[in-house]
Amino acid sequence: MIQLGIFISLLIVGFLFGRIAEKRHFKSIVARELASNSLVAVASRFPPENENYEQHLVVGNVVVASDYFKSAMASLINFFGGRVTPFESLLDRARREAILRMKHEASLLDAKFVFNVKLETSRIATGQVGAVEVVAYGTALTKPAMHVEAISS
């Protein structure tokens, strides 16, 4: 009976704190996405050819853990089959966060454009509660650096 009480308590605490953390994270993501809309990031393999650019690899990665409630719900869904909807928002947050971090790295280089953007996703299992790692990477295009040669006189 005590174990059932602990299980239900963990579910309730996981649900409450998980919802609060998820809402805060989504709010932060939306605000940062609006701020970074001027830096275009696309999956196209071909960069614009109208100007000369220097190319730089930019990467953003994130690990997002699942709360106890989502893990318990996912276990039930896995038992009966169907879409594992508790993890869909987890993956959405992780992908968007990884892209934001990649764009931030590109903005530090004063990039004008990021092309050939790719996403890699992997699951990290630690006992009952798992996490997901998402890596976003692409090629940032920056204006060529001005090379000033010393003129000897």
N, C-alpha and C. Protein backbone atom coordinates (compact mmCIF):
# COMPACT_ATOMS: atom_id res chain seq x y z
N MET A 1 0.81 -1.19 0.00
CA MET A 1 0.00 0.00 0.00
C MET A 1 0.87 1.27 0.00
N ILE A 2 1.97 1.20 0.76
CA ILE A 2 2.88 2.35 0.83
C ILE A 2 3.50 2.60 -0.55
N GLN A 3 3.84 1.52 -1.24
CA GLN A 3 4.43 1.67 -2.57
C GLN A 3 3.46 2.33 -3.54
N LEU A 4 2.19 2.01 -3.45
CA LEU A 4 1.19 2.63 -4.30
C LEU A 4 1.07 4.12 -3.98
N GLY A 5 1.14 4.46 -2.71
CA GLY A 5 1.10 5.86 -2.30
C GLY A 5 2.30 6.64 -2.83
N ILE A 6 3.47 6.02 -2.76
CA ILE A 6 4.69 6.65 -3.28
C ILE A 6 4.57 6.83 -4.79
N PHE A 7 4.08 5.82 -5.47
CA PHE A 7 3.91 5.89 -6.92
C PHE A 7 2.95 7.02 -7.31
N ILE A 8 1.82 7.10 -6.65
CA ILE A 8 0.83 8.15 -6.95
C ILE A 8 1.40 9.52 -6.60
N SER A 9 2.13 9.63 -5.49
CA SER A 9 2.76 10.90 -5.12
C SER A 9 3.76 11.34 -6.18
N LEU A 10 4.58 10.41 -6.64
CA LEU A 10 5.56 10.74 -7.68
C LEU A 10 4.87 11.17 -8.98
N LEU A 11 3.77 10.50 -9.31
CA LEU A 11 3.02 10.88 -10.50
C LEU A 11 2.50 12.32 -10.40
N ILE A 12 1.92 12.64 -9.25
CA ILE A 12 1.36 13.98 -9.05
C ILE A 12 2.47 15.04 -9.06
N VAL A 13 3.53 14.80 -8.32
CA VAL A 13 4.64 15.75 -8.28
C VAL A 13 5.27 15.89 -9.66
N GLY A 14 5.48 14.76 -10.35
CA GLY A 14 6.03 14.79 -11.70
C GLY A 14 5.16 15.56 -12.66
N PHE A 15 3.85 15.35 -12.55
CA PHE A 15 2.92 16.05 -13.42
C PHE A 15 2.97 17.56 -13.17
N LEU A 16 2.87 17.96 -11.90
CA LEU A 16 2.83 19.39 -11.57
C LEU A 16 4.13 20.11 -11.95
N PHE A 17 5.25 19.60 -11.46
CA PHE A 17 6.52 20.26 -11.74
C PHE A 17 6.92 20.12 -13.21
N GLY A 18 6.56 19.01 -13.82
CA GLY A 18 6.84 18.82 -15.25
C GLY A 18 6.09 19.83 -16.11
N ARG A 19 4.81 20.06 -15.78
CA ARG A 19 4.01 21.05 -16.52
C ARG A 19 4.57 22.46 -16.36
N ILE A 20 4.95 22.79 -15.14
CA ILE A 20 5.50 24.12 -14.88
C ILE A 20 6.80 24.32 -15.66
N ALA A 21 7.69 23.35 -15.59
CA ALA A 21 8.97 23.46 -16.29
C ALA A 21 8.77 23.50 -17.81
N GLU A 22 7.85 22.69 -18.30
CA GLU A 22 7.59 22.65 -19.74
C GLU A 22 7.01 23.98 -20.23
N LYS A 23 6.08 24.55 -19.49
CA LYS A 23 5.49 25.84 -19.88
C LYS A 23 6.53 26.94 -19.88
N ARG A 24 7.39 26.97 -18.86
CA ARG A 24 8.46 27.97 -18.81
C ARG A 24 9.40 27.82 -20.00
N HIS A 25 9.74 26.58 -20.31
CA HIS A 25 10.67 26.33 -21.41
C HIS A 25 10.05 26.75 -22.75
N PHE A 26 8.79 26.39 -22.96
CA PHE A 26 8.12 26.80 -24.20
C PHE A 26 8.05 28.32 -24.32
N LYS A 27 7.77 29.00 -23.21
CA LYS A 27 7.70 30.47 -23.22
C LYS A 27 9.06 31.05 -23.59
N SER A 28 10.11 30.51 -23.04
CA SER A 28 11.47 30.96 -23.35
C SER A 28 11.82 30.69 -24.82
N ILE A 29 11.43 29.53 -25.31
CA ILE A 29 11.70 29.16 -26.70
C ILE A 29 11.01 30.12 -27.66
N VAL A 30 9.74 30.40 -27.42
CA VAL A 30 8.98 31.29 -28.30
C VAL A 30 9.61 32.68 -28.33
N ALA A 31 9.99 33.21 -27.18
CA ALA A 31 10.61 34.54 -27.13
C ALA A 31 11.93 34.57 -27.89
N ARG A 32 12.75 33.53 -27.71
CA ARG A 32 14.05 33.49 -28.40
C ARG A 32 13.90 33.23 -29.89
N GLU A 33 12.88 32.46 -30.27
CA GLU A 33 12.63 32.25 -31.71
C GLU A 33 12.24 33.56 -32.38
N LEU A 34 11.41 34.36 -31.72
CA LEU A 34 11.04 35.66 -32.28
C LEU A 34 12.26 36.56 -32.43
N ALA A 35 13.16 36.50 -31.46
CA ALA A 35 14.36 37.34 -31.50
C ALA A 35 15.35 36.88 -32.57
N SER A 36 15.34 35.59 -32.91
CA SER A 36 16.33 35.07 -33.86
C SER A 36 15.77 34.83 -35.26
N ASN A 37 14.56 35.33 -35.53
CA ASN A 37 13.96 35.13 -36.85
C ASN A 37 14.74 35.76 -37.99
N SER A 38 15.54 36.77 -37.70
CA SER A 38 16.28 37.45 -38.77
C SER A 38 17.42 36.58 -39.32
N LEU A 39 17.88 35.61 -38.55
CA LEU A 39 18.92 34.69 -39.02
C LEU A 39 18.24 33.47 -39.63
N VAL A 40 18.31 33.37 -40.95
CA VAL A 40 17.62 32.30 -41.67
C VAL A 40 18.42 31.01 -41.55
N ALA A 41 17.74 29.92 -41.20
CA ALA A 41 18.35 28.59 -41.13
C ALA A 41 17.46 27.64 -41.92
N VAL A 42 18.03 27.03 -42.97
CA VAL A 42 17.26 26.16 -43.85
C VAL A 42 17.97 24.83 -44.06
N ALA A 43 17.22 23.85 -44.50
CA ALA A 43 17.77 22.51 -44.74
C ALA A 43 18.37 22.37 -46.13
N SER A 44 18.23 23.37 -46.97
CA SER A 44 18.76 23.30 -48.34
C SER A 44 20.26 23.04 -48.33
N ARG A 45 20.70 22.17 -49.22
CA ARG A 45 22.13 21.86 -49.30
C ARG A 45 22.91 22.89 -50.09
N PHE A 46 22.23 23.76 -50.80
CA PHE A 46 22.90 24.68 -51.69
C PHE A 46 22.82 26.11 -51.17
N PRO A 47 23.98 26.72 -50.90
CA PRO A 47 23.97 28.09 -50.37
C PRO A 47 23.64 29.09 -51.46
N PRO A 48 23.27 30.30 -51.07
CA PRO A 48 23.05 31.33 -52.08
C PRO A 48 24.36 31.64 -52.79
N GLU A 49 24.30 31.86 -54.07
CA GLU A 49 25.52 32.06 -54.86
C GLU A 49 25.70 33.50 -55.31
N ASN A 50 24.92 34.43 -54.77
CA ASN A 50 25.01 35.80 -55.22
C ASN A 50 26.16 36.58 -54.58
N GLU A 51 26.78 36.07 -53.52
CA GLU A 51 27.89 36.74 -52.86
C GLU A 51 28.92 35.72 -52.42
N ASN A 52 30.12 36.21 -52.11
CA ASN A 52 31.14 35.35 -51.52
C ASN A 52 30.94 35.27 -50.02
N TYR A 53 31.04 34.09 -49.48
CA TYR A 53 30.88 33.88 -48.04
C TYR A 53 31.99 32.96 -47.55
N GLU A 54 32.32 33.12 -46.28
CA GLU A 54 33.14 32.11 -45.61
C GLU A 54 32.17 31.14 -44.94
N GLN A 55 32.58 29.88 -44.84
CA GLN A 55 31.70 28.85 -44.28
C GLN A 55 32.24 28.37 -42.94
N HIS A 56 31.34 28.20 -41.98
CA HIS A 56 31.71 27.74 -40.64
C HIS A 56 30.68 26.72 -40.17
N LEU A 57 31.17 25.64 -39.59
CA LEU A 57 30.27 24.66 -38.99
C LEU A 57 29.75 25.23 -37.67
N VAL A 58 28.43 25.23 -37.50
CA VAL A 58 27.83 25.66 -36.23
C VAL A 58 26.99 24.51 -35.69
N VAL A 59 27.02 24.36 -34.37
CA VAL A 59 26.36 23.23 -33.71
C VAL A 59 25.62 23.74 -32.48
N GLY A 60 24.46 23.15 -32.24
CA GLY A 60 23.73 23.39 -31.01
C GLY A 60 23.19 22.07 -30.52
N ASN A 61 23.40 21.78 -29.26
CA ASN A 61 22.86 20.53 -28.73
C ASN A 61 22.19 20.75 -27.38
N VAL A 62 21.28 19.86 -27.05
CA VAL A 62 20.55 19.95 -25.79
C VAL A 62 20.17 18.53 -25.35
N VAL A 63 20.12 18.35 -24.05
CA VAL A 63 19.60 17.12 -23.46
C VAL A 63 18.41 17.53 -22.59
N VAL A 64 17.25 16.97 -22.88
CA VAL A 64 16.04 17.28 -22.13
C VAL A 64 15.54 15.99 -21.48
N ALA A 65 15.36 16.04 -20.18
CA ALA A 65 14.91 14.86 -19.43
C ALA A 65 13.39 14.83 -19.37
N SER A 66 12.88 13.64 -19.31
CA SER A 66 11.44 13.44 -19.15
C SER A 66 11.11 13.41 -17.67
N ASP A 67 9.93 13.91 -17.32
CA ASP A 67 9.52 13.82 -15.93
C ASP A 67 8.89 12.45 -15.67
N TYR A 68 8.69 12.15 -14.41
CA TYR A 68 8.19 10.83 -14.00
C TYR A 68 6.80 10.56 -14.56
N PHE A 69 5.95 11.59 -14.61
CA PHE A 69 4.59 11.42 -15.12
C PHE A 69 4.61 11.02 -16.60
N LYS A 70 5.41 11.72 -17.41
CA LYS A 70 5.47 11.40 -18.84
C LYS A 70 6.01 9.99 -19.06
N SER A 71 7.01 9.63 -18.27
CA SER A 71 7.57 8.28 -18.41
C SER A 71 6.54 7.22 -18.05
N ALA A 72 5.76 7.45 -17.00
CA ALA A 72 4.72 6.49 -16.61
C ALA A 72 3.64 6.39 -17.68
N MET A 73 3.21 7.54 -18.21
CA MET A 73 2.19 7.54 -19.26
C MET A 73 2.71 6.84 -20.52
N ALA A 74 3.97 7.10 -20.86
CA ALA A 74 4.56 6.46 -22.04
C ALA A 74 4.63 4.94 -21.86
N SER A 75 4.92 4.50 -20.65
CA SER A 75 4.94 3.05 -20.38
C SER A 75 3.57 2.42 -20.60
N LEU A 76 2.52 3.11 -20.15
CA LEU A 76 1.16 2.61 -20.37
C LEU A 76 0.82 2.56 -21.86
N ILE A 77 1.18 3.62 -22.57
CA ILE A 77 0.90 3.66 -24.01
C ILE A 77 1.68 2.58 -24.75
N ASN A 78 2.93 2.36 -24.34
CA ASN A 78 3.72 1.30 -24.97
C ASN A 78 3.11 -0.07 -24.73
N PHE A 79 2.49 -0.24 -23.58
CA PHE A 79 1.86 -1.51 -23.25
C PHE A 79 0.66 -1.78 -24.18
N PHE A 80 -0.16 -0.75 -24.41
CA PHE A 80 -1.35 -0.92 -25.24
C PHE A 80 -1.12 -0.58 -26.71
N GLY A 81 -0.07 0.17 -27.01
CA GLY A 81 0.22 0.56 -28.38
C GLY A 81 -0.37 1.91 -28.72
N GLY A 82 0.19 2.55 -29.72
CA GLY A 82 -0.31 3.84 -30.16
C GLY A 82 0.77 4.91 -30.11
N ARG A 83 0.36 6.13 -30.45
CA ARG A 83 1.30 7.26 -30.44
C ARG A 83 1.68 7.59 -29.01
N VAL A 84 2.96 7.82 -28.79
CA VAL A 84 3.46 8.16 -27.46
C VAL A 84 3.46 9.70 -27.35
N THR A 85 2.26 10.25 -27.21
CA THR A 85 2.10 11.71 -27.21
C THR A 85 2.80 12.43 -26.05
N PRO A 86 2.99 11.80 -24.88
CA PRO A 86 3.73 12.53 -23.83
C PRO A 86 5.15 12.91 -24.26
N PHE A 87 5.76 12.14 -25.12
CA PHE A 87 7.12 12.43 -25.54
C PHE A 87 7.18 13.35 -26.76
N GLU A 88 6.04 13.59 -27.43
CA GLU A 88 6.06 14.46 -28.61
C GLU A 88 6.42 15.89 -28.23
N SER A 89 5.88 16.39 -27.12
CA SER A 89 6.23 17.76 -26.71
C SER A 89 7.67 17.82 -26.24
N LEU A 90 8.16 16.75 -25.64
CA LEU A 90 9.56 16.68 -25.21
C LEU A 90 10.48 16.80 -26.42
N LEU A 91 10.18 16.06 -27.48
CA LEU A 91 11.00 16.13 -28.69
C LEU A 91 10.89 17.49 -29.38
N ASP A 92 9.70 18.05 -29.39
CA ASP A 92 9.50 19.37 -29.99
C ASP A 92 10.35 20.41 -29.27
N ARG A 93 10.31 20.41 -27.96
CA ARG A 93 11.12 21.35 -27.18
C ARG A 93 12.60 21.15 -27.44
N ALA A 94 13.04 19.90 -27.47
CA ALA A 94 14.46 19.61 -27.66
C ALA A 94 14.94 20.06 -29.05
N ARG A 95 14.16 19.78 -30.08
CA ARG A 95 14.56 20.19 -31.43
C ARG A 95 14.64 21.71 -31.55
N ARG A 96 13.62 22.38 -31.05
CA ARG A 96 13.60 23.84 -31.15
C ARG A 96 14.73 24.46 -30.34
N GLU A 97 15.02 23.93 -29.18
CA GLU A 97 16.12 24.44 -28.34
C GLU A 97 17.47 24.22 -29.03
N ALA A 98 17.67 23.05 -29.63
CA ALA A 98 18.94 22.77 -30.32
C ALA A 98 19.13 23.73 -31.50
N ILE A 99 18.07 24.00 -32.24
CA ILE A 99 18.17 24.94 -33.36
C ILE A 99 18.48 26.35 -32.85
N LEU A 100 17.85 26.75 -31.76
CA LEU A 100 18.13 28.06 -31.19
C LEU A 100 19.59 28.18 -30.75
N ARG A 101 20.12 27.14 -30.16
CA ARG A 101 21.52 27.17 -29.73
C ARG A 101 22.46 27.21 -30.93
N MET A 102 22.11 26.49 -32.00
CA MET A 102 22.91 26.54 -33.22
C MET A 102 22.88 27.95 -33.82
N LYS A 103 21.68 28.55 -33.85
CA LYS A 103 21.55 29.91 -34.38
C LYS A 103 22.32 30.92 -33.52
N HIS A 104 22.33 30.69 -32.22
CA HIS A 104 23.09 31.58 -31.34
C HIS A 104 24.58 31.52 -31.67
N GLU A 105 25.09 30.30 -31.87
CA GLU A 105 26.50 30.15 -32.24
C GLU A 105 26.78 30.85 -33.56
N ALA A 106 25.86 30.72 -34.51
CA ALA A 106 26.02 31.39 -35.81
C ALA A 106 25.99 32.91 -35.66
N SER A 107 25.13 33.41 -34.78
CA SER A 107 25.05 34.86 -34.59
C SER A 107 26.32 35.41 -33.95
N LEU A 108 26.99 34.60 -33.12
CA LEU A 108 28.27 35.03 -32.55
C LEU A 108 29.33 35.21 -33.63
N LEU A 109 29.19 34.49 -34.73
CA LEU A 109 30.10 34.62 -35.88
C LEU A 109 29.64 35.72 -36.83
N ASP A 110 28.54 36.38 -36.49
CA ASP A 110 27.91 37.39 -37.34
C ASP A 110 27.49 36.78 -38.69
N ALA A 111 26.93 35.59 -38.61
CA ALA A 111 26.48 34.88 -39.82
C ALA A 111 25.25 35.56 -40.40
N LYS A 112 25.13 35.49 -41.70
CA LYS A 112 23.98 36.05 -42.39
C LYS A 112 22.95 34.98 -42.73
N PHE A 113 23.38 33.70 -42.69
CA PHE A 113 22.56 32.62 -43.20
C PHE A 113 23.13 31.30 -42.69
N VAL A 114 22.29 30.33 -42.37
CA VAL A 114 22.75 28.97 -42.03
C VAL A 114 22.01 28.02 -42.96
N PHE A 115 22.78 27.25 -43.72
CA PHE A 115 22.15 26.31 -44.64
C PHE A 115 22.60 24.89 -44.32
N ASN A 116 21.97 23.93 -44.97
CA ASN A 116 22.24 22.50 -44.78
C ASN A 116 22.07 22.10 -43.31
N VAL A 117 21.00 22.59 -42.69
CA VAL A 117 20.73 22.29 -41.28
C VAL A 117 20.23 20.86 -41.14
N LYS A 118 20.82 20.14 -40.23
CA LYS A 118 20.46 18.75 -39.95
C LYS A 118 20.19 18.59 -38.46
N LEU A 119 19.37 17.62 -38.13
CA LEU A 119 19.06 17.30 -36.74
C LEU A 119 19.36 15.83 -36.49
N GLU A 120 20.01 15.56 -35.38
CA GLU A 120 20.27 14.18 -34.94
C GLU A 120 19.61 14.02 -33.57
N THR A 121 18.92 12.93 -33.39
CA THR A 121 18.22 12.68 -32.13
C THR A 121 18.66 11.34 -31.56
N SER A 122 18.91 11.32 -30.25
CA SER A 122 19.23 10.04 -29.61
C SER A 122 18.58 9.99 -28.24
N ARG A 123 18.30 8.80 -27.81
CA ARG A 123 17.64 8.57 -26.52
C ARG A 123 18.71 8.22 -25.50
N ILE A 124 18.57 8.80 -24.33
CA ILE A 124 19.47 8.50 -23.22
C ILE A 124 18.60 7.87 -22.13
N ALA A 125 18.84 6.62 -21.84
CA ALA A 125 18.02 5.91 -20.85
C ALA A 125 18.79 5.81 -19.54
N THR A 126 18.15 6.25 -18.47
CA THR A 126 18.73 6.13 -17.13
C THR A 126 17.66 5.57 -16.21
N GLY A 127 17.55 4.27 -16.18
CA GLY A 127 16.54 3.63 -15.34
C GLY A 127 15.15 3.86 -15.89
N GLN A 128 14.22 4.24 -15.03
CA GLN A 128 12.82 4.46 -15.42
C GLN A 128 12.65 5.72 -16.26
N VAL A 129 13.34 6.79 -15.86
CA VAL A 129 13.15 8.08 -16.51
C VAL A 129 14.25 8.28 -17.54
N GLY A 130 13.84 8.61 -18.77
CA GLY A 130 14.81 8.80 -19.83
C GLY A 130 14.94 10.25 -20.21
N ALA A 131 15.85 10.48 -21.14
CA ALA A 131 16.07 11.82 -21.67
C ALA A 131 16.33 11.68 -23.16
N VAL A 132 16.28 12.79 -23.85
CA VAL A 132 16.54 12.80 -25.27
C VAL A 132 17.60 13.87 -25.54
N GLU A 133 18.55 13.53 -26.40
CA GLU A 133 19.55 14.50 -26.84
C GLU A 133 19.28 14.83 -28.30
N VAL A 134 19.28 16.09 -28.62
CA VAL A 134 19.12 16.54 -30.00
C VAL A 134 20.30 17.43 -30.34
N VAL A 135 20.91 17.16 -31.48
CA VAL A 135 22.01 17.97 -32.00
C VAL A 135 21.55 18.58 -33.31
N ALA A 136 21.66 19.89 -33.41
CA ALA A 136 21.37 20.60 -34.66
C ALA A 136 22.70 21.13 -35.18
N TYR A 137 22.96 20.94 -36.46
CA TYR A 137 24.20 21.47 -37.03
C TYR A 137 23.95 21.95 -38.45
N GLY A 138 24.76 22.87 -38.86
CA GLY A 138 24.62 23.43 -40.20
C GLY A 138 25.86 24.22 -40.56
N THR A 139 25.82 24.84 -41.73
CA THR A 139 26.93 25.64 -42.23
C THR A 139 26.54 27.11 -42.20
N ALA A 140 27.24 27.87 -41.39
CA ALA A 140 26.97 29.31 -41.29
C ALA A 140 27.78 30.05 -42.34
N LEU A 141 27.15 31.00 -42.98
CA LEU A 141 27.81 31.81 -43.99
C LEU A 141 28.07 33.20 -43.42
N THR A 142 29.33 33.61 -43.46
CA THR A 142 29.71 34.92 -42.96
C THR A 142 30.39 35.70 -44.09
N LYS A 143 30.42 37.00 -43.95
CA LYS A 143 31.14 37.84 -44.91
C LYS A 143 32.62 37.51 -44.81
N PRO A 144 33.33 37.52 -45.94
CA PRO A 144 34.77 37.23 -45.88
C PRO A 144 35.50 38.27 -45.03
N ALA A 145 36.49 37.81 -44.30
CA ALA A 145 37.28 38.72 -43.48
C ALA A 145 38.16 39.57 -44.39
N MET A 146 38.28 40.80 -44.05
CA MET A 146 39.12 41.71 -44.83
C MET A 146 40.57 41.44 -44.48
N HIS A 147 41.36 41.12 -45.47
CA HIS A 147 42.78 40.87 -45.26
C HIS A 147 43.54 42.12 -45.67
N VAL A 148 44.15 42.76 -44.70
CA VAL A 148 44.90 43.98 -44.97
C VAL A 148 46.37 43.62 -45.00
N GLU A 149 46.99 43.89 -46.11
CA GLU A 149 48.41 43.61 -46.26
C GLU A 149 49.19 44.89 -45.99
N ALA A 150 50.23 44.75 -45.23
CA ALA A 150 51.07 45.90 -44.93
C ALA A 150 51.83 46.32 -46.17
N ILE A 151 51.77 47.56 -46.46
CA ILE A 151 52.48 48.09 -47.62
C ILE A 151 53.78 48.70 -47.12
N SER A 152 54.85 48.13 -47.58
CA SER A 152 56.14 48.66 -47.14
C SER A 152 56.57 49.78 -48.06
N SER A 153 57.05 50.83 -47.48
CA SER A 153 57.48 51.94 -48.32
C SER A 153 58.89 52.33 -48.06
